[in-house]
Protein backbone atom coordinates (compact mmCIF):
# COMPACT_ATOMS: atom_id res chain seq x y z
CA ARG A 1 53.52 -19.60 10.35
CA ASP A 2 50.49 -17.33 9.88
CA LYS A 3 51.02 -17.38 6.11
CA GLU A 4 50.90 -21.17 6.01
CA ILE A 5 47.78 -21.31 8.19
CA SER A 6 46.21 -18.57 6.09
CA SER A 7 46.84 -20.42 2.85
CA ARG A 8 45.34 -23.65 4.22
CA THR A 9 42.32 -22.13 5.96
CA ARG A 10 41.77 -19.13 3.66
CA ILE A 11 41.62 -16.89 6.73
CA PRO A 12 43.44 -13.58 6.19
CA THR A 13 46.73 -13.29 8.08
CA PHE A 14 45.47 -10.09 9.75
CA TYR A 15 42.74 -12.04 11.54
CA LEU A 16 45.11 -14.83 12.52
CA ALA A 17 47.60 -12.40 14.06
CA LYS A 18 44.86 -10.51 15.90
CA ASN A 19 43.33 -13.68 17.32
CA ARG A 20 46.73 -15.05 18.29
CA ARG A 21 47.32 -11.91 20.38
CA LEU A 22 43.90 -12.25 21.99
CA ALA A 23 44.46 -15.92 22.76
CA GLN A 24 47.59 -15.07 24.73
CA ASN A 25 45.29 -13.68 27.44
CA PHE A 26 44.05 -17.21 28.16
CA SER A 27 45.72 -20.39 29.30
CA ALA A 28 45.57 -23.54 27.18
CA GLU A 29 43.10 -25.01 29.67
CA GLU A 30 40.83 -21.95 29.40
CA LEU A 31 40.89 -22.10 25.60
CA ASN A 32 40.11 -25.81 25.67
CA SER A 33 37.23 -25.18 28.07
CA LEU A 34 35.95 -22.38 25.82
CA LEU A 35 35.92 -24.68 22.78
CA ILE A 36 34.00 -27.31 24.72
CA ASP A 37 31.51 -24.68 25.95
CA LEU A 38 31.09 -23.37 22.40
CA GLY A 39 30.29 -26.87 21.18
CA ASP A 40 27.77 -27.34 23.96
CA LEU A 41 26.21 -23.95 23.18
CA GLU A 42 25.91 -24.83 19.49
CA ALA A 43 24.11 -28.05 20.38
CA ASP A 44 21.78 -26.20 22.78
CA ILE A 45 20.95 -23.60 20.14
CA LYS A 46 20.30 -26.17 17.41
CA THR A 47 18.05 -28.25 19.65
CA GLY A 48 16.13 -25.18 20.81
CA ARG A 49 17.18 -25.40 24.45
CA ILE A 50 18.49 -21.83 24.45
CA HIS A 51 18.06 -18.75 22.29
CA GLN A 52 21.16 -17.93 20.24
CA GLN A 53 21.68 -14.38 21.48
CA ILE A 54 21.10 -15.20 25.14
CA GLY A 55 23.44 -18.18 25.03
CA LEU A 56 26.19 -16.23 23.34
CA GLU A 57 25.84 -13.33 25.78
CA MET A 58 26.08 -15.73 28.71
CA LEU A 59 29.20 -17.34 27.26
CA ILE A 60 30.85 -13.97 26.63
CA THR A 61 30.05 -12.87 30.17
CA GLN A 62 31.52 -16.07 31.57
CA TYR A 63 34.86 -15.65 29.78
CA ALA A 64 35.09 -11.85 29.88
CA GLY A 65 35.16 -11.72 33.66
């Protein structure tokens, strides 16, 4: 499975396997929420509502706890 994803996305299988293991620490709902929050953060950064580093640090803190 990782080999097929790797060939289509050009992401090395090592990274895919590592991220798959990390993702197992979260529920599907948490991962979905994280993707939504990342999209919101990207929009906030691009529109100048928040500084990139501060926004990313806040997001990491939110999901690391």
